Amino acid sequence: MSEERKLAIICSKGSLDMAYPGLVLANAARMMGIEADLFFTFWGMDIITKEKVDHLKVVPVGNPAMHMPQFVGGLPGMTDMATT
């Protein structure tokens, strides 16, 4: 008995570094024949809103993927520098 595999992904943050994981996981699931649903909520709606999609930024504060001291991420201009 084969059951159809399904995956639901919730995108709740609207920063650039949070947009990619959900999209990549959903794409990988589809390539494996798994039904994938993305649910965008709260600030995650920025990922799919035309007026805001071009203005997504990488937020360095509290981001463990950024290899820099946390206080540096709070300095003015660091979000713009991390995004470019």
N, C-alpha and C. Protein backbone atom coordinates (compact mmCIF):
# COMPACT_ATOMS: atom_id res chain seq x y z
N MET A 1 0.84 -1.17 0.00
CA MET A 1 0.00 0.00 0.00
C MET A 1 0.89 1.24 0.00
N SER A 2 0.81 2.04 -1.03
CA SER A 2 1.64 3.24 -1.09
C SER A 2 0.79 4.46 -0.74
N GLU A 3 1.32 5.25 0.16
CA GLU A 3 0.64 6.47 0.56
C GLU A 3 1.35 7.66 -0.07
N GLU A 4 0.57 8.65 -0.47
CA GLU A 4 1.15 9.85 -1.04
C GLU A 4 1.84 10.65 0.07
N ARG A 5 3.08 11.04 -0.18
CA ARG A 5 3.83 11.81 0.81
C ARG A 5 3.54 13.29 0.61
N LYS A 6 3.39 14.01 1.73
CA LYS A 6 3.08 15.43 1.68
C LYS A 6 3.98 16.19 2.64
N LEU A 7 4.22 17.46 2.32
CA LEU A 7 5.06 18.31 3.14
C LEU A 7 4.41 19.69 3.21
N ALA A 8 4.31 20.24 4.41
CA ALA A 8 3.80 21.61 4.60
C ALA A 8 4.91 22.44 5.24
N ILE A 9 5.18 23.59 4.65
CA ILE A 9 6.24 24.47 5.14
C ILE A 9 5.61 25.82 5.47
N ILE A 10 5.90 26.34 6.66
CA ILE A 10 5.37 27.64 7.08
C ILE A 10 6.50 28.67 6.98
N CYS A 11 6.27 29.71 6.20
CA CYS A 11 7.22 30.81 6.08
C CYS A 11 6.66 31.99 6.87
N SER A 12 7.28 32.29 8.01
CA SER A 12 6.73 33.32 8.89
C SER A 12 7.63 34.54 9.03
N LYS A 13 8.77 34.54 8.38
CA LYS A 13 9.68 35.68 8.47
C LYS A 13 9.94 36.23 7.08
N GLY A 14 10.00 37.53 6.96
CA GLY A 14 10.13 38.16 5.65
C GLY A 14 11.52 38.65 5.32
N SER A 15 12.55 38.04 5.88
CA SER A 15 13.90 38.45 5.51
C SER A 15 14.42 37.52 4.42
N LEU A 16 15.40 38.00 3.69
CA LEU A 16 15.93 37.25 2.56
C LEU A 16 16.50 35.91 2.97
N ASP A 17 17.18 35.85 4.11
CA ASP A 17 17.78 34.58 4.54
C ASP A 17 16.74 33.59 5.05
N MET A 18 15.51 34.03 5.29
CA MET A 18 14.44 33.12 5.68
C MET A 18 13.53 32.76 4.50
N ALA A 19 13.68 33.47 3.40
CA ALA A 19 12.86 33.18 2.22
C ALA A 19 13.38 31.94 1.49
N TYR A 20 14.68 31.82 1.36
CA TYR A 20 15.27 30.73 0.58
C TYR A 20 15.03 29.33 1.14
N PRO A 21 15.18 29.07 2.44
CA PRO A 21 15.03 27.69 2.92
C PRO A 21 13.68 27.06 2.57
N GLY A 22 12.60 27.77 2.77
CA GLY A 22 11.28 27.22 2.45
C GLY A 22 11.12 26.94 0.97
N LEU A 23 11.60 27.86 0.14
CA LEU A 23 11.49 27.68 -1.31
C LEU A 23 12.37 26.52 -1.80
N VAL A 24 13.57 26.41 -1.26
CA VAL A 24 14.48 25.34 -1.66
C VAL A 24 13.94 23.98 -1.21
N LEU A 25 13.44 23.90 0.04
CA LEU A 25 12.88 22.64 0.54
C LEU A 25 11.66 22.21 -0.27
N ALA A 26 10.79 23.15 -0.60
CA ALA A 26 9.60 22.82 -1.39
C ALA A 26 10.00 22.33 -2.78
N ASN A 27 10.98 22.98 -3.39
CA ASN A 27 11.44 22.57 -4.71
C ASN A 27 12.06 21.17 -4.66
N ALA A 28 12.86 20.90 -3.64
CA ALA A 28 13.48 19.57 -3.50
C ALA A 28 12.41 18.50 -3.29
N ALA A 29 11.40 18.82 -2.49
CA ALA A 29 10.32 17.86 -2.26
C ALA A 29 9.58 17.55 -3.56
N ARG A 30 9.30 18.57 -4.35
CA ARG A 30 8.60 18.35 -5.62
C ARG A 30 9.44 17.49 -6.57
N MET A 31 10.75 17.70 -6.56
CA MET A 31 11.62 16.91 -7.43
C MET A 31 11.65 15.44 -7.01
N MET A 32 11.33 15.17 -5.74
CA MET A 32 11.28 13.80 -5.24
C MET A 32 9.87 13.22 -5.32
N GLY A 33 8.95 13.97 -5.92
CA GLY A 33 7.58 13.48 -6.07
C GLY A 33 6.72 13.66 -4.83
N ILE A 34 7.13 14.51 -3.92
CA ILE A 34 6.39 14.77 -2.69
C ILE A 34 5.57 16.04 -2.88
N GLU A 35 4.29 15.98 -2.53
CA GLU A 35 3.44 17.16 -2.62
C GLU A 35 3.89 18.16 -1.56
N ALA A 36 4.13 19.41 -1.96
CA ALA A 36 4.63 20.43 -1.03
C ALA A 36 3.70 21.64 -1.04
N ASP A 37 3.36 22.11 0.14
CA ASP A 37 2.55 23.32 0.30
C ASP A 37 3.33 24.32 1.13
N LEU A 38 3.36 25.57 0.66
CA LEU A 38 3.99 26.65 1.40
C LEU A 38 2.88 27.53 1.97
N PHE A 39 2.97 27.84 3.24
CA PHE A 39 2.01 28.72 3.90
C PHE A 39 2.76 29.95 4.37
N PHE A 40 2.35 31.11 3.88
CA PHE A 40 3.01 32.37 4.23
C PHE A 40 2.15 33.11 5.24
N THR A 41 2.73 33.44 6.38
CA THR A 41 1.98 34.10 7.44
C THR A 41 2.80 35.25 8.03
N PHE A 42 2.12 36.20 8.61
CA PHE A 42 2.74 37.36 9.24
C PHE A 42 3.73 38.02 8.28
N TRP A 43 4.99 38.20 8.68
CA TRP A 43 5.97 38.88 7.83
C TRP A 43 6.40 38.01 6.66
N GLY A 44 6.08 36.75 6.67
CA GLY A 44 6.37 35.89 5.54
C GLY A 44 5.63 36.31 4.28
N MET A 45 4.55 37.07 4.47
CA MET A 45 3.80 37.58 3.31
C MET A 45 4.66 38.52 2.46
N ASP A 46 5.69 39.12 3.06
CA ASP A 46 6.58 40.00 2.30
C ASP A 46 7.28 39.24 1.17
N ILE A 47 7.49 37.95 1.34
CA ILE A 47 8.17 37.14 0.34
C ILE A 47 7.37 37.06 -0.95
N ILE A 48 6.05 37.11 -0.86
CA ILE A 48 5.21 36.94 -2.05
C ILE A 48 4.43 38.20 -2.42
N THR A 49 4.70 39.32 -1.76
CA THR A 49 4.04 40.58 -2.08
C THR A 49 4.90 41.35 -3.08
N LYS A 50 4.34 41.67 -4.24
CA LYS A 50 5.11 42.30 -5.32
C LYS A 50 5.81 43.58 -4.88
N GLU A 51 5.13 44.39 -4.08
CA GLU A 51 5.70 45.67 -3.66
C GLU A 51 6.88 45.50 -2.70
N LYS A 52 6.96 44.38 -2.02
CA LYS A 52 7.99 44.20 -0.99
C LYS A 52 9.08 43.20 -1.36
N VAL A 53 8.85 42.37 -2.35
CA VAL A 53 9.80 41.30 -2.66
C VAL A 53 11.18 41.83 -3.08
N ASP A 54 11.23 42.97 -3.72
CA ASP A 54 12.52 43.53 -4.15
C ASP A 54 13.26 44.23 -3.01
N HIS A 55 12.63 44.33 -1.86
CA HIS A 55 13.24 45.04 -0.73
C HIS A 55 13.55 44.12 0.45
N LEU A 56 13.60 42.80 0.22
CA LEU A 56 13.94 41.86 1.29
C LEU A 56 15.41 42.03 1.65
N LYS A 57 15.73 41.92 2.92
CA LYS A 57 17.10 42.13 3.39
C LYS A 57 17.55 40.97 4.28
N VAL A 58 18.85 40.80 4.38
CA VAL A 58 19.44 39.83 5.31
C VAL A 58 19.65 40.56 6.64
N VAL A 59 19.10 40.02 7.70
CA VAL A 59 19.22 40.65 9.02
C VAL A 59 20.37 39.99 9.79
N PRO A 60 21.46 40.74 10.07
CA PRO A 60 22.61 40.12 10.73
C PRO A 60 22.46 39.92 12.24
N VAL A 61 21.58 40.66 12.90
CA VAL A 61 21.43 40.55 14.36
C VAL A 61 20.70 39.25 14.70
N GLY A 62 21.30 38.45 15.55
CA GLY A 62 20.68 37.19 15.98
C GLY A 62 20.72 36.10 14.93
N ASN A 63 21.53 36.26 13.91
CA ASN A 63 21.63 35.28 12.83
C ASN A 63 22.90 34.45 13.04
N PRO A 64 22.76 33.18 13.42
CA PRO A 64 23.95 32.37 13.68
C PRO A 64 24.78 32.08 12.43
N ALA A 65 24.21 32.29 11.25
CA ALA A 65 24.96 32.06 10.02
C ALA A 65 25.95 33.19 9.73
N MET A 66 25.75 34.32 10.37
CA MET A 66 26.67 35.44 10.21
C MET A 66 27.84 35.25 11.16
N HIS A 67 29.01 35.13 10.62
CA HIS A 67 30.20 34.90 11.44
C HIS A 67 30.82 36.22 11.85
N MET A 68 30.10 36.94 12.71
CA MET A 68 30.59 38.20 13.25
C MET A 68 30.01 38.38 14.65
N PRO A 69 30.64 39.18 15.48
CA PRO A 69 30.09 39.43 16.81
C PRO A 69 28.70 40.06 16.70
N GLN A 70 27.81 39.73 17.62
CA GLN A 70 26.44 40.20 17.56
C GLN A 70 26.32 41.72 17.63
N PHE A 71 27.18 42.38 18.39
CA PHE A 71 27.06 43.83 18.51
C PHE A 71 27.33 44.53 17.18
N VAL A 72 28.12 43.92 16.31
CA VAL A 72 28.42 44.53 15.01
C VAL A 72 27.16 44.57 14.15
N GLY A 73 26.30 43.56 14.27
CA GLY A 73 25.06 43.53 13.48
C GLY A 73 24.11 44.66 13.81
N GLY A 74 24.22 45.23 15.00
CA GLY A 74 23.34 46.32 15.40
C GLY A 74 23.82 47.69 14.95
N LEU A 75 24.99 47.77 14.39
CA LEU A 75 25.51 49.06 13.92
C LEU A 75 24.74 49.54 12.70
N PRO A 76 24.57 50.86 12.57
CA PRO A 76 23.86 51.39 11.41
C PRO A 76 24.52 50.98 10.10
N GLY A 77 23.73 50.55 9.15
CA GLY A 77 24.22 50.17 7.83
C GLY A 77 24.62 48.72 7.68
N MET A 78 24.65 47.96 8.76
CA MET A 78 25.09 46.56 8.67
C MET A 78 24.09 45.69 7.91
N THR A 79 22.79 45.96 8.04
CA THR A 79 21.78 45.19 7.31
C THR A 79 21.96 45.40 5.81
N ASP A 80 22.18 46.64 5.39
CA ASP A 80 22.39 46.92 3.97
C ASP A 80 23.68 46.27 3.47
N MET A 81 24.73 46.31 4.28
CA MET A 81 25.99 45.70 3.88
C MET A 81 25.85 44.18 3.76
N ALA A 82 25.11 43.55 4.68
CA ALA A 82 24.93 42.10 4.64
C ALA A 82 24.07 41.67 3.46
N THR A 83 23.19 42.54 3.00
CA THR A 83 22.28 42.20 1.91
C THR A 83 22.97 42.31 0.55
N THR A 84 23.91 43.23 0.40
CA THR A 84 24.54 43.42 -0.92
C THR A 84 25.64 42.44 -1.18
